[in-house]
N, C-alpha and C. Protein backbone atom coordinates (compact mmCIF):
# COMPACT_ATOMS: atom_id res chain seq x y z
N MET A 1 -26.10 -24.29 -16.07
CA MET A 1 -26.01 -23.69 -14.72
C MET A 1 -24.63 -23.11 -14.51
N ILE A 2 -23.57 -23.83 -14.89
CA ILE A 2 -22.22 -23.34 -14.69
C ILE A 2 -22.01 -22.00 -15.43
N GLY A 3 -22.62 -21.90 -16.63
CA GLY A 3 -22.49 -20.68 -17.43
C GLY A 3 -23.13 -19.51 -16.77
N ILE A 4 -24.23 -19.69 -16.12
CA ILE A 4 -24.94 -18.62 -15.38
C ILE A 4 -24.11 -18.17 -14.19
N VAL A 5 -23.51 -19.10 -13.45
CA VAL A 5 -22.66 -18.78 -12.34
C VAL A 5 -21.42 -17.98 -12.76
N ALA A 6 -20.82 -18.44 -13.89
CA ALA A 6 -19.63 -17.75 -14.41
C ALA A 6 -19.99 -16.34 -14.79
N VAL A 7 -21.12 -16.13 -15.48
CA VAL A 7 -21.57 -14.78 -15.84
C VAL A 7 -21.76 -13.94 -14.63
N PHE A 8 -22.41 -14.53 -13.60
CA PHE A 8 -22.72 -13.77 -12.37
C PHE A 8 -21.39 -13.39 -11.69
N LEU A 9 -20.40 -14.34 -11.60
CA LEU A 9 -19.10 -14.06 -10.99
C LEU A 9 -18.38 -12.93 -11.77
N ASN A 10 -18.42 -13.04 -13.10
CA ASN A 10 -17.76 -11.99 -13.90
C ASN A 10 -18.38 -10.62 -13.70
N LEU A 11 -19.74 -10.58 -13.60
CA LEU A 11 -20.39 -9.30 -13.37
C LEU A 11 -20.07 -8.73 -11.92
N LEU A 12 -19.95 -9.66 -10.99
CA LEU A 12 -19.59 -9.25 -9.65
C LEU A 12 -18.16 -8.76 -9.59
N ILE A 13 -17.21 -9.40 -10.27
CA ILE A 13 -15.86 -8.97 -10.36
C ILE A 13 -15.81 -7.57 -11.06
N PHE A 14 -16.49 -7.39 -12.11
CA PHE A 14 -16.51 -6.13 -12.85
C PHE A 14 -17.10 -5.04 -11.94
N PHE A 15 -18.19 -5.32 -11.20
CA PHE A 15 -18.75 -4.36 -10.26
C PHE A 15 -17.72 -3.93 -9.23
N ILE A 16 -17.00 -4.89 -8.66
CA ILE A 16 -16.01 -4.56 -7.62
C ILE A 16 -14.92 -3.70 -8.22
N GLN A 17 -14.50 -3.99 -9.44
CA GLN A 17 -13.46 -3.10 -10.07
C GLN A 17 -13.98 -1.71 -10.26
N VAL A 18 -15.16 -1.56 -10.78
CA VAL A 18 -15.74 -0.23 -11.02
C VAL A 18 -15.92 0.50 -9.67
N TYR A 19 -16.43 -0.21 -8.69
CA TYR A 19 -16.65 0.37 -7.36
C TYR A 19 -15.33 0.79 -6.76
N SER A 20 -14.27 -0.02 -6.90
CA SER A 20 -12.98 0.45 -6.43
C SER A 20 -12.48 1.70 -7.11
N LEU A 21 -12.69 1.81 -8.37
CA LEU A 21 -12.36 3.01 -9.14
C LEU A 21 -13.10 4.16 -8.60
N PHE A 22 -14.41 4.02 -8.38
CA PHE A 22 -15.27 5.08 -7.83
C PHE A 22 -14.63 5.53 -6.47
N ILE A 23 -14.25 4.62 -5.63
CA ILE A 23 -13.66 4.96 -4.32
C ILE A 23 -12.37 5.73 -4.48
N ILE A 24 -11.51 5.30 -5.43
CA ILE A 24 -10.24 5.99 -5.65
C ILE A 24 -10.50 7.44 -6.12
N VAL A 25 -11.41 7.59 -7.08
CA VAL A 25 -11.71 8.93 -7.59
C VAL A 25 -12.32 9.79 -6.47
N TYR A 26 -13.20 9.21 -5.62
CA TYR A 26 -13.78 9.91 -4.54
C TYR A 26 -12.73 10.37 -3.55
N ILE A 27 -11.78 9.51 -3.26
CA ILE A 27 -10.71 9.82 -2.29
C ILE A 27 -9.85 10.97 -2.81
N VAL A 28 -9.47 10.84 -4.11
CA VAL A 28 -8.63 11.90 -4.71
C VAL A 28 -9.38 13.23 -4.70
N LEU A 29 -10.64 13.23 -5.06
CA LEU A 29 -11.47 14.45 -4.99
C LEU A 29 -11.56 15.01 -3.66
N SER A 30 -11.56 14.17 -2.66
CA SER A 30 -11.70 14.69 -1.25
C SER A 30 -10.47 15.45 -0.85
N TRP A 31 -9.33 15.29 -1.54
CA TRP A 31 -8.11 16.10 -1.21
C TRP A 31 -8.19 17.49 -1.79
N ILE A 32 -9.09 17.73 -2.64
CA ILE A 32 -9.23 19.08 -3.28
C ILE A 32 -10.08 19.96 -2.37
N PRO A 33 -9.57 21.13 -2.01
CA PRO A 33 -10.36 22.05 -1.15
C PRO A 33 -11.69 22.37 -1.79
N ASN A 34 -12.72 22.44 -0.98
CA ASN A 34 -14.10 22.78 -1.40
C ASN A 34 -14.63 21.85 -2.51
N SER A 35 -14.21 20.64 -2.52
CA SER A 35 -14.64 19.73 -3.59
C SER A 35 -16.08 19.31 -3.44
N GLU A 36 -16.67 19.62 -2.28
CA GLU A 36 -18.12 19.30 -2.05
C GLU A 36 -19.02 19.93 -3.12
N ILE A 37 -18.57 21.05 -3.71
CA ILE A 37 -19.42 21.77 -4.62
C ILE A 37 -19.50 21.08 -5.99
N TYR A 38 -18.59 20.15 -6.21
CA TYR A 38 -18.59 19.47 -7.55
C TYR A 38 -19.62 18.32 -7.51
N PRO A 39 -20.51 18.27 -8.51
CA PRO A 39 -21.53 17.25 -8.53
C PRO A 39 -20.99 15.83 -8.60
N ILE A 40 -19.82 15.66 -9.23
CA ILE A 40 -19.25 14.32 -9.37
C ILE A 40 -18.89 13.77 -7.99
N ARG A 41 -18.37 14.57 -7.08
CA ARG A 41 -18.02 14.16 -5.73
C ARG A 41 -19.29 13.78 -4.96
N THR A 42 -20.32 14.58 -5.12
CA THR A 42 -21.58 14.32 -4.40
C THR A 42 -22.17 12.99 -4.94
N PHE A 43 -22.15 12.78 -6.24
CA PHE A 43 -22.64 11.55 -6.89
C PHE A 43 -21.86 10.37 -6.39
N LEU A 44 -20.53 10.41 -6.42
CA LEU A 44 -19.71 9.28 -5.96
C LEU A 44 -19.88 9.06 -4.44
N GLY A 45 -20.05 10.13 -3.74
CA GLY A 45 -20.20 9.99 -2.28
C GLY A 45 -21.44 9.20 -1.87
N ARG A 46 -22.50 9.39 -2.66
CA ARG A 46 -23.73 8.61 -2.35
C ARG A 46 -23.50 7.09 -2.43
N PHE A 47 -22.60 6.67 -3.33
CA PHE A 47 -22.33 5.27 -3.50
C PHE A 47 -21.22 4.70 -2.64
N THR A 48 -20.21 5.58 -2.39
CA THR A 48 -19.00 5.09 -1.71
C THR A 48 -19.00 5.34 -0.22
N GLU A 49 -19.60 6.42 0.23
CA GLU A 49 -19.54 6.70 1.69
C GLU A 49 -20.12 5.65 2.60
N PRO A 50 -21.25 5.02 2.25
CA PRO A 50 -21.73 3.97 3.16
C PRO A 50 -20.73 2.83 3.39
N PHE A 51 -20.01 2.45 2.34
CA PHE A 51 -19.00 1.40 2.49
C PHE A 51 -17.75 1.96 3.17
N LEU A 52 -17.29 3.13 2.84
CA LEU A 52 -16.09 3.73 3.45
C LEU A 52 -16.33 3.98 4.92
N ASN A 53 -17.53 4.35 5.31
CA ASN A 53 -17.82 4.64 6.76
C ASN A 53 -17.62 3.44 7.67
N ILE A 54 -17.71 2.22 7.08
CA ILE A 54 -17.51 1.03 7.86
C ILE A 54 -16.08 1.00 8.40
N PHE A 55 -15.15 1.57 7.59
CA PHE A 55 -13.71 1.49 7.92
C PHE A 55 -13.14 2.79 8.42
N SER A 56 -13.79 3.91 8.14
CA SER A 56 -13.23 5.22 8.48
C SER A 56 -13.35 5.51 10.03
N ASN A 57 -12.36 6.25 10.50
CA ASN A 57 -12.35 6.75 11.86
C ASN A 57 -12.44 5.63 12.92
N ARG A 58 -11.89 4.47 12.61
CA ARG A 58 -11.72 3.44 13.60
C ARG A 58 -10.35 3.57 14.21
N ASN A 59 -10.21 3.38 15.47
CA ASN A 59 -8.94 3.60 16.19
C ASN A 59 -7.82 2.74 15.57
N PHE A 60 -8.15 1.50 15.17
CA PHE A 60 -7.05 0.64 14.75
C PHE A 60 -6.73 0.89 13.24
N PHE A 61 -7.47 1.80 12.56
CA PHE A 61 -7.11 2.16 11.18
C PHE A 61 -6.59 3.61 11.11
N THR A 62 -6.29 4.22 12.27
CA THR A 62 -5.72 5.57 12.26
C THR A 62 -4.41 5.62 12.89
N ALA A 63 -3.54 6.54 12.39
CA ALA A 63 -2.26 6.80 12.93
C ALA A 63 -2.09 8.33 13.04
N GLY A 64 -2.31 8.86 14.19
CA GLY A 64 -2.26 10.31 14.35
C GLY A 64 -3.50 10.87 13.64
N SER A 65 -3.21 11.80 12.70
CA SER A 65 -4.32 12.40 11.96
C SER A 65 -4.60 11.68 10.66
N LEU A 66 -3.84 10.59 10.38
CA LEU A 66 -4.06 9.87 9.11
C LEU A 66 -5.09 8.79 9.32
N ASP A 67 -6.04 8.70 8.43
CA ASP A 67 -7.09 7.67 8.48
C ASP A 67 -6.82 6.69 7.33
N PHE A 68 -6.46 5.48 7.67
CA PHE A 68 -6.14 4.46 6.69
C PHE A 68 -7.41 3.62 6.36
N GLY A 69 -8.53 4.00 6.84
CA GLY A 69 -9.78 3.32 6.57
C GLY A 69 -10.06 3.13 5.09
N PRO A 70 -9.96 4.14 4.24
CA PRO A 70 -10.17 3.96 2.84
C PRO A 70 -9.22 2.96 2.23
N LEU A 71 -7.99 2.96 2.64
CA LEU A 71 -7.02 1.97 2.15
C LEU A 71 -7.44 0.56 2.57
N VAL A 72 -7.88 0.39 3.77
CA VAL A 72 -8.36 -0.90 4.23
C VAL A 72 -9.59 -1.33 3.41
N ALA A 73 -10.48 -0.39 3.14
CA ALA A 73 -11.65 -0.68 2.34
C ALA A 73 -11.24 -1.21 0.96
N LEU A 74 -10.27 -0.52 0.34
CA LEU A 74 -9.81 -0.96 -1.00
C LEU A 74 -9.08 -2.32 -0.90
N ILE A 75 -8.38 -2.59 0.16
CA ILE A 75 -7.76 -3.92 0.35
C ILE A 75 -8.85 -4.99 0.49
N VAL A 76 -9.87 -4.72 1.25
CA VAL A 76 -11.01 -5.70 1.37
C VAL A 76 -11.64 -5.98 0.02
N LEU A 77 -11.88 -4.94 -0.75
CA LEU A 77 -12.42 -5.15 -2.08
C LEU A 77 -11.49 -5.91 -2.99
N SER A 78 -10.20 -5.64 -2.87
CA SER A 78 -9.22 -6.34 -3.68
C SER A 78 -9.16 -7.85 -3.32
N ILE A 79 -9.18 -8.14 -2.03
CA ILE A 79 -9.19 -9.57 -1.60
C ILE A 79 -10.43 -10.24 -2.07
N THR A 80 -11.59 -9.59 -1.93
CA THR A 80 -12.83 -10.15 -2.39
C THR A 80 -12.78 -10.44 -3.85
N ARG A 81 -12.35 -9.47 -4.65
CA ARG A 81 -12.25 -9.64 -6.09
C ARG A 81 -11.32 -10.80 -6.43
N SER A 82 -10.15 -10.89 -5.77
CA SER A 82 -9.24 -11.98 -6.03
C SER A 82 -9.79 -13.37 -5.72
N LEU A 83 -10.51 -13.43 -4.59
CA LEU A 83 -11.13 -14.70 -4.22
C LEU A 83 -12.20 -15.12 -5.21
N LEU A 84 -12.97 -14.14 -5.72
CA LEU A 84 -13.96 -14.45 -6.75
C LEU A 84 -13.27 -14.94 -8.03
N ILE A 85 -12.18 -14.34 -8.40
CA ILE A 85 -11.42 -14.81 -9.54
C ILE A 85 -10.93 -16.21 -9.33
N LEU A 86 -10.41 -16.51 -8.16
CA LEU A 86 -10.02 -17.92 -7.88
C LEU A 86 -11.17 -18.89 -8.06
N LEU A 87 -12.29 -18.47 -7.52
CA LEU A 87 -13.51 -19.28 -7.67
C LEU A 87 -13.86 -19.49 -9.14
N LEU A 88 -13.78 -18.45 -9.90
CA LEU A 88 -14.14 -18.49 -11.30
C LEU A 88 -13.21 -19.38 -12.10
N ILE A 89 -11.90 -19.33 -11.85
CA ILE A 89 -10.94 -20.16 -12.60
C ILE A 89 -10.75 -21.55 -12.04
N GLY A 90 -11.42 -21.84 -10.94
CA GLY A 90 -11.35 -23.19 -10.36
C GLY A 90 -10.10 -23.45 -9.57
N LYS A 91 -9.45 -22.43 -9.00
CA LYS A 91 -8.25 -22.65 -8.22
C LYS A 91 -8.47 -22.21 -6.79
N PHE A 92 -9.66 -22.47 -6.28
CA PHE A 92 -10.03 -22.03 -4.94
C PHE A 92 -9.53 -23.05 -3.92
N THR A 93 -8.19 -23.04 -3.66
CA THR A 93 -7.60 -23.88 -2.68
C THR A 93 -7.15 -23.10 -1.46
N ILE A 94 -6.87 -23.78 -0.37
CA ILE A 94 -6.41 -23.10 0.84
C ILE A 94 -5.12 -22.32 0.61
N LEU A 95 -4.16 -22.93 -0.09
CA LEU A 95 -2.89 -22.27 -0.38
C LEU A 95 -3.11 -21.06 -1.31
N ALA A 96 -4.03 -21.18 -2.26
CA ALA A 96 -4.27 -20.09 -3.16
C ALA A 96 -4.94 -18.93 -2.42
N ILE A 97 -5.83 -19.25 -1.54
CA ILE A 97 -6.52 -18.21 -0.71
C ILE A 97 -5.51 -17.52 0.19
N VAL A 98 -4.65 -18.28 0.84
CA VAL A 98 -3.60 -17.67 1.69
C VAL A 98 -2.72 -16.76 0.86
N TYR A 99 -2.30 -17.22 -0.30
CA TYR A 99 -1.45 -16.43 -1.18
C TYR A 99 -2.17 -15.12 -1.57
N VAL A 100 -3.42 -15.22 -1.97
CA VAL A 100 -4.15 -14.01 -2.39
C VAL A 100 -4.22 -13.02 -1.26
N MET A 101 -4.49 -13.49 -0.09
CA MET A 101 -4.63 -12.56 1.08
C MET A 101 -3.30 -11.94 1.43
N ILE A 102 -2.21 -12.74 1.46
CA ILE A 102 -0.92 -12.18 1.82
C ILE A 102 -0.41 -11.27 0.72
N SER A 103 -0.65 -11.69 -0.53
CA SER A 103 -0.21 -10.86 -1.66
C SER A 103 -0.93 -9.52 -1.73
N THR A 104 -2.19 -9.53 -1.43
CA THR A 104 -2.92 -8.27 -1.41
C THR A 104 -2.44 -7.35 -0.34
N LEU A 105 -2.01 -7.90 0.79
CA LEU A 105 -1.48 -7.03 1.91
C LEU A 105 -0.07 -6.65 1.57
N TRP A 106 0.69 -7.50 0.92
CA TRP A 106 2.09 -7.22 0.58
C TRP A 106 2.24 -6.20 -0.48
N ASP A 107 1.38 -6.13 -1.47
CA ASP A 107 1.55 -5.20 -2.56
C ASP A 107 1.65 -3.73 -2.16
N PRO A 108 0.78 -3.17 -1.31
CA PRO A 108 1.03 -1.79 -0.89
C PRO A 108 2.28 -1.60 -0.07
N VAL A 109 2.60 -2.59 0.78
CA VAL A 109 3.83 -2.54 1.57
C VAL A 109 5.06 -2.46 0.65
N ALA A 110 5.03 -3.31 -0.37
CA ALA A 110 6.16 -3.42 -1.31
C ALA A 110 6.29 -2.07 -2.09
N PHE A 111 5.13 -1.47 -2.39
CA PHE A 111 5.16 -0.16 -3.12
C PHE A 111 5.85 0.86 -2.24
N PHE A 112 5.43 0.98 -0.98
CA PHE A 112 6.01 1.99 -0.10
C PHE A 112 7.50 1.69 0.22
N MET A 113 7.84 0.40 0.32
CA MET A 113 9.22 0.06 0.56
C MET A 113 10.12 0.51 -0.66
N THR A 114 9.56 0.24 -1.85
CA THR A 114 10.30 0.64 -3.07
C THR A 114 10.38 2.18 -3.11
N LEU A 115 9.34 2.85 -2.82
CA LEU A 115 9.37 4.32 -2.76
C LEU A 115 10.43 4.86 -1.79
N TYR A 116 10.45 4.28 -0.56
CA TYR A 116 11.42 4.69 0.41
C TYR A 116 12.88 4.29 -0.02
N LEU A 117 12.99 3.14 -0.69
CA LEU A 117 14.29 2.78 -1.18
C LEU A 117 14.82 3.81 -2.17
N ILE A 118 13.98 4.27 -3.09
CA ILE A 118 14.39 5.24 -4.08
C ILE A 118 14.75 6.57 -3.33
N CYS A 119 13.88 7.02 -2.44
CA CYS A 119 14.12 8.30 -1.71
C CYS A 119 15.39 8.22 -0.91
N ILE A 120 15.59 7.14 -0.16
CA ILE A 120 16.78 6.98 0.67
C ILE A 120 18.04 6.88 -0.22
N SER A 121 17.96 6.23 -1.37
CA SER A 121 19.09 6.12 -2.24
C SER A 121 19.44 7.48 -2.80
N ILE A 122 18.46 8.27 -3.15
CA ILE A 122 18.72 9.64 -3.66
C ILE A 122 19.36 10.44 -2.56
N ARG A 123 18.85 10.33 -1.35
CA ARG A 123 19.33 11.10 -0.22
C ARG A 123 20.80 10.70 0.15
N TYR A 124 21.06 9.40 0.10
CA TYR A 124 22.37 8.94 0.39
C TYR A 124 23.40 9.38 -0.64
N ALA A 125 22.99 9.36 -1.94
CA ALA A 125 23.85 9.89 -3.02
C ALA A 125 24.04 11.41 -2.81
N GLY A 126 23.04 12.10 -2.44
CA GLY A 126 23.13 13.54 -2.13
C GLY A 126 24.05 13.78 -0.98
N PHE A 127 23.96 12.95 0.03
CA PHE A 127 24.82 13.11 1.21
C PHE A 127 26.30 12.90 0.86
N ILE A 128 26.54 11.93 -0.05
CA ILE A 128 27.92 11.69 -0.40
C ILE A 128 28.49 12.81 -1.31
N PHE A 129 27.66 13.27 -2.29
CA PHE A 129 28.18 14.18 -3.26
C PHE A 129 27.97 15.64 -2.87
N ALA A 130 27.07 15.93 -2.02
CA ALA A 130 26.79 17.31 -1.55
C ALA A 130 26.43 17.27 -0.04
N PRO A 131 27.41 16.93 0.85
CA PRO A 131 27.09 16.67 2.21
C PRO A 131 26.63 17.90 2.98
N HIS A 132 26.91 19.09 2.55
CA HIS A 132 26.54 20.28 3.29
C HIS A 132 25.47 21.12 2.56
N SER A 133 24.77 20.49 1.65
CA SER A 133 23.77 21.23 0.91
C SER A 133 22.56 21.56 1.75
N LEU A 134 22.09 22.74 1.67
CA LEU A 134 20.91 23.19 2.42
C LEU A 134 19.72 23.45 1.50
N HIS A 135 19.79 22.82 0.32
CA HIS A 135 18.73 23.02 -0.68
C HIS A 135 17.40 22.50 -0.12
N PRO A 136 16.28 23.21 -0.44
CA PRO A 136 14.96 22.80 0.09
C PRO A 136 14.61 21.34 -0.34
N PHE A 137 15.10 20.89 -1.48
CA PHE A 137 14.77 19.53 -1.90
C PHE A 137 15.27 18.53 -0.89
N TRP A 138 16.48 18.68 -0.37
CA TRP A 138 17.04 17.76 0.61
C TRP A 138 16.27 17.84 1.91
N HIS A 139 15.82 19.01 2.26
CA HIS A 139 15.06 19.24 3.48
C HIS A 139 13.71 18.48 3.37
N ALA A 140 13.08 18.62 2.21
CA ALA A 140 11.77 17.95 1.98
C ALA A 140 11.96 16.43 1.99
N LEU A 141 13.02 15.95 1.39
CA LEU A 141 13.29 14.53 1.37
C LEU A 141 13.60 14.00 2.78
N ASP A 142 14.34 14.82 3.55
CA ASP A 142 14.60 14.42 4.93
C ASP A 142 13.29 14.31 5.76
N ILE A 143 12.41 15.20 5.58
CA ILE A 143 11.11 15.14 6.24
C ILE A 143 10.36 13.91 5.90
N LEU A 144 10.44 13.46 4.66
CA LEU A 144 9.77 12.20 4.23
C LEU A 144 10.44 10.98 4.80
N ILE A 145 11.73 10.89 4.80
CA ILE A 145 12.39 9.66 5.12
C ILE A 145 12.82 9.54 6.66
N ASN A 146 12.86 10.68 7.33
CA ASN A 146 13.33 10.62 8.76
C ASN A 146 12.50 9.72 9.65
N PRO A 147 11.20 9.65 9.56
CA PRO A 147 10.51 8.71 10.43
C PRO A 147 10.91 7.25 10.27
N VAL A 148 11.19 6.85 9.03
CA VAL A 148 11.62 5.53 8.74
C VAL A 148 13.08 5.30 9.27
N LEU A 149 13.94 6.31 9.02
CA LEU A 149 15.32 6.26 9.48
C LEU A 149 15.34 6.13 11.02
N ALA A 150 14.54 6.93 11.70
CA ALA A 150 14.51 6.91 13.16
C ALA A 150 14.02 5.56 13.67
N PHE A 151 12.95 5.04 13.09
CA PHE A 151 12.38 3.75 13.54
C PHE A 151 13.42 2.62 13.39
N ILE A 152 14.04 2.53 12.22
CA ILE A 152 15.01 1.45 11.97
C ILE A 152 16.26 1.66 12.85
N SER A 153 16.71 2.90 12.98
CA SER A 153 17.89 3.14 13.80
C SER A 153 17.64 2.81 15.24
N ARG A 154 16.45 3.10 15.76
CA ARG A 154 16.12 2.75 17.16
C ARG A 154 16.12 1.21 17.34
N LYS A 155 15.66 0.49 16.36
CA LYS A 155 15.63 -0.97 16.49
C LYS A 155 17.01 -1.57 16.35
N ILE A 156 17.83 -1.09 15.43
CA ILE A 156 19.15 -1.63 15.22
C ILE A 156 20.21 -1.15 16.22
N PHE A 157 20.13 0.17 16.56
CA PHE A 157 21.11 0.76 17.47
C PHE A 157 20.40 1.36 18.66
N PRO A 158 19.81 0.51 19.55
CA PRO A 158 19.05 1.04 20.68
C PRO A 158 20.02 1.81 21.68
N ASN A 159 19.50 2.93 22.12
CA ASN A 159 20.23 3.78 23.10
C ASN A 159 21.58 4.28 22.62
N ARG A 160 21.70 4.46 21.33
CA ARG A 160 22.92 5.01 20.74
C ARG A 160 22.64 6.09 19.81
N ILE A 161 23.49 7.10 19.77
CA ILE A 161 23.39 8.17 18.77
C ILE A 161 24.33 7.80 17.64
N ILE A 162 23.78 7.78 16.40
CA ILE A 162 24.59 7.41 15.24
C ILE A 162 24.61 8.54 14.26
N LYS A 163 25.58 8.53 13.37
CA LYS A 163 25.74 9.57 12.34
C LYS A 163 24.51 9.39 11.35
N TYR A 164 24.19 10.46 10.70
CA TYR A 164 23.07 10.43 9.74
C TYR A 164 23.47 9.54 8.59
N GLU A 165 24.68 9.56 8.15
CA GLU A 165 25.16 8.74 7.01
C GLU A 165 24.97 7.26 7.35
N THR A 166 25.36 6.91 8.55
CA THR A 166 25.18 5.50 9.02
C THR A 166 23.71 5.11 9.08
N SER A 167 22.90 5.99 9.54
CA SER A 167 21.45 5.71 9.59
C SER A 167 20.89 5.54 8.17
N LEU A 168 21.36 6.35 7.21
CA LEU A 168 20.91 6.22 5.78
C LEU A 168 21.34 4.88 5.22
N PHE A 169 22.65 4.57 5.42
CA PHE A 169 23.20 3.38 4.85
C PHE A 169 22.52 2.12 5.47
N THR A 170 22.37 2.05 6.79
CA THR A 170 21.78 0.93 7.47
C THR A 170 20.35 0.72 7.02
N THR A 171 19.60 1.80 6.98
CA THR A 171 18.17 1.72 6.54
C THR A 171 18.10 1.23 5.09
N LEU A 172 18.96 1.74 4.24
CA LEU A 172 19.00 1.33 2.82
C LEU A 172 19.23 -0.17 2.71
N ILE A 173 20.24 -0.66 3.42
CA ILE A 173 20.57 -2.10 3.35
C ILE A 173 19.38 -2.95 3.91
N ILE A 174 18.82 -2.57 5.01
CA ILE A 174 17.71 -3.33 5.59
C ILE A 174 16.51 -3.32 4.68
N LEU A 175 16.15 -2.18 4.10
CA LEU A 175 15.01 -2.12 3.16
C LEU A 175 15.25 -3.01 1.95
N ILE A 176 16.49 -2.99 1.45
CA ILE A 176 16.81 -3.81 0.28
C ILE A 176 16.61 -5.30 0.60
N VAL A 177 17.16 -5.72 1.73
CA VAL A 177 17.04 -7.09 2.11
C VAL A 177 15.61 -7.47 2.35
N LEU A 178 14.82 -6.65 3.06
CA LEU A 178 13.42 -6.93 3.33
C LEU A 178 12.59 -6.96 2.07
N ARG A 179 12.78 -5.91 1.21
CA ARG A 179 11.98 -5.81 0.01
C ARG A 179 12.17 -6.96 -0.95
N PHE A 180 13.42 -7.34 -1.16
CA PHE A 180 13.67 -8.40 -2.13
C PHE A 180 13.58 -9.79 -1.49
N GLY A 181 13.87 -9.89 -0.20
CA GLY A 181 13.68 -11.17 0.47
C GLY A 181 12.24 -11.56 0.55
N ILE A 182 11.39 -10.64 1.08
CA ILE A 182 9.97 -10.95 1.14
C ILE A 182 9.36 -11.12 -0.25
N GLY A 183 9.83 -10.28 -1.22
CA GLY A 183 9.34 -10.38 -2.58
C GLY A 183 9.63 -11.78 -3.13
N SER A 184 10.83 -12.29 -2.84
CA SER A 184 11.22 -13.63 -3.30
C SER A 184 10.31 -14.71 -2.67
N LEU A 185 10.07 -14.57 -1.38
CA LEU A 185 9.19 -15.49 -0.66
C LEU A 185 7.78 -15.46 -1.23
N MET A 186 7.30 -14.28 -1.61
CA MET A 186 5.99 -14.17 -2.21
C MET A 186 5.94 -14.88 -3.59
N ASN A 187 6.98 -14.76 -4.37
CA ASN A 187 7.07 -15.45 -5.62
C ASN A 187 7.03 -16.96 -5.42
N LEU A 188 7.80 -17.43 -4.42
CA LEU A 188 7.79 -18.88 -4.15
C LEU A 188 6.42 -19.33 -3.69
N LEU A 189 5.78 -18.57 -2.84
CA LEU A 189 4.40 -18.97 -2.41
C LEU A 189 3.45 -18.96 -3.58
N GLY A 190 3.59 -18.02 -4.53
CA GLY A 190 2.78 -17.96 -5.74
C GLY A 190 2.96 -19.19 -6.61
N LYS A 191 4.22 -19.65 -6.69
CA LYS A 191 4.52 -20.85 -7.50
C LYS A 191 3.95 -22.15 -6.87
N PHE A 192 4.09 -22.19 -5.54
CA PHE A 192 3.53 -23.36 -4.81
C PHE A 192 1.99 -23.40 -4.89
N SER A 193 1.40 -22.25 -4.93
CA SER A 193 -0.08 -22.23 -5.00
C SER A 193 -0.54 -22.28 -6.44
N SER A 194 0.43 -22.42 -7.40
CA SER A 194 0.20 -22.48 -8.84
C SER A 194 -0.59 -21.32 -9.39
N LEU A 195 -0.32 -20.12 -8.85
CA LEU A 195 -0.96 -18.91 -9.41
C LEU A 195 0.07 -18.05 -10.15
N ARG A 196 1.31 -18.45 -10.19
CA ARG A 196 2.32 -17.69 -10.91
C ARG A 196 3.02 -18.57 -11.85
């Protein structure tokens, strides 16, 4: 009986991985103009749209014109897959479940924090070595990082106007502390739950 359950769980885990891949391919294809004419998108849409529609266009999954529903759908699949793996390996404890859920939510946040750390570091270096550059690269980078700079600057320096260099440096330090501090806490939680 245990063997049959293990086979079933392995098949279910495999199905979730393949289904997640289908969703990722479908999302990427949806960014291509007129992609509806491609049979692969139509084929994938038949399987993925019913699940994606559960999460798409919900007020709490949107920010302006961005719909984070597909990302939430992938996170739900990832948590489900991780919980099934815990069940399969016999480590289905409360602490392991909490770790899996927090870790699954932390991973995309850590990715974006690292991305912004790299972008802000490049921009800070550019500001130091070429402070008056009007190159389009710096403009594009500013468009990417300015929302984060403005958000953190408003929180740290409320009702004050600060220099751009100060905003870059402050945001860089805060992101480093948050990224590596929370990452260290996640590692400790993983060790306590005996999953790392």
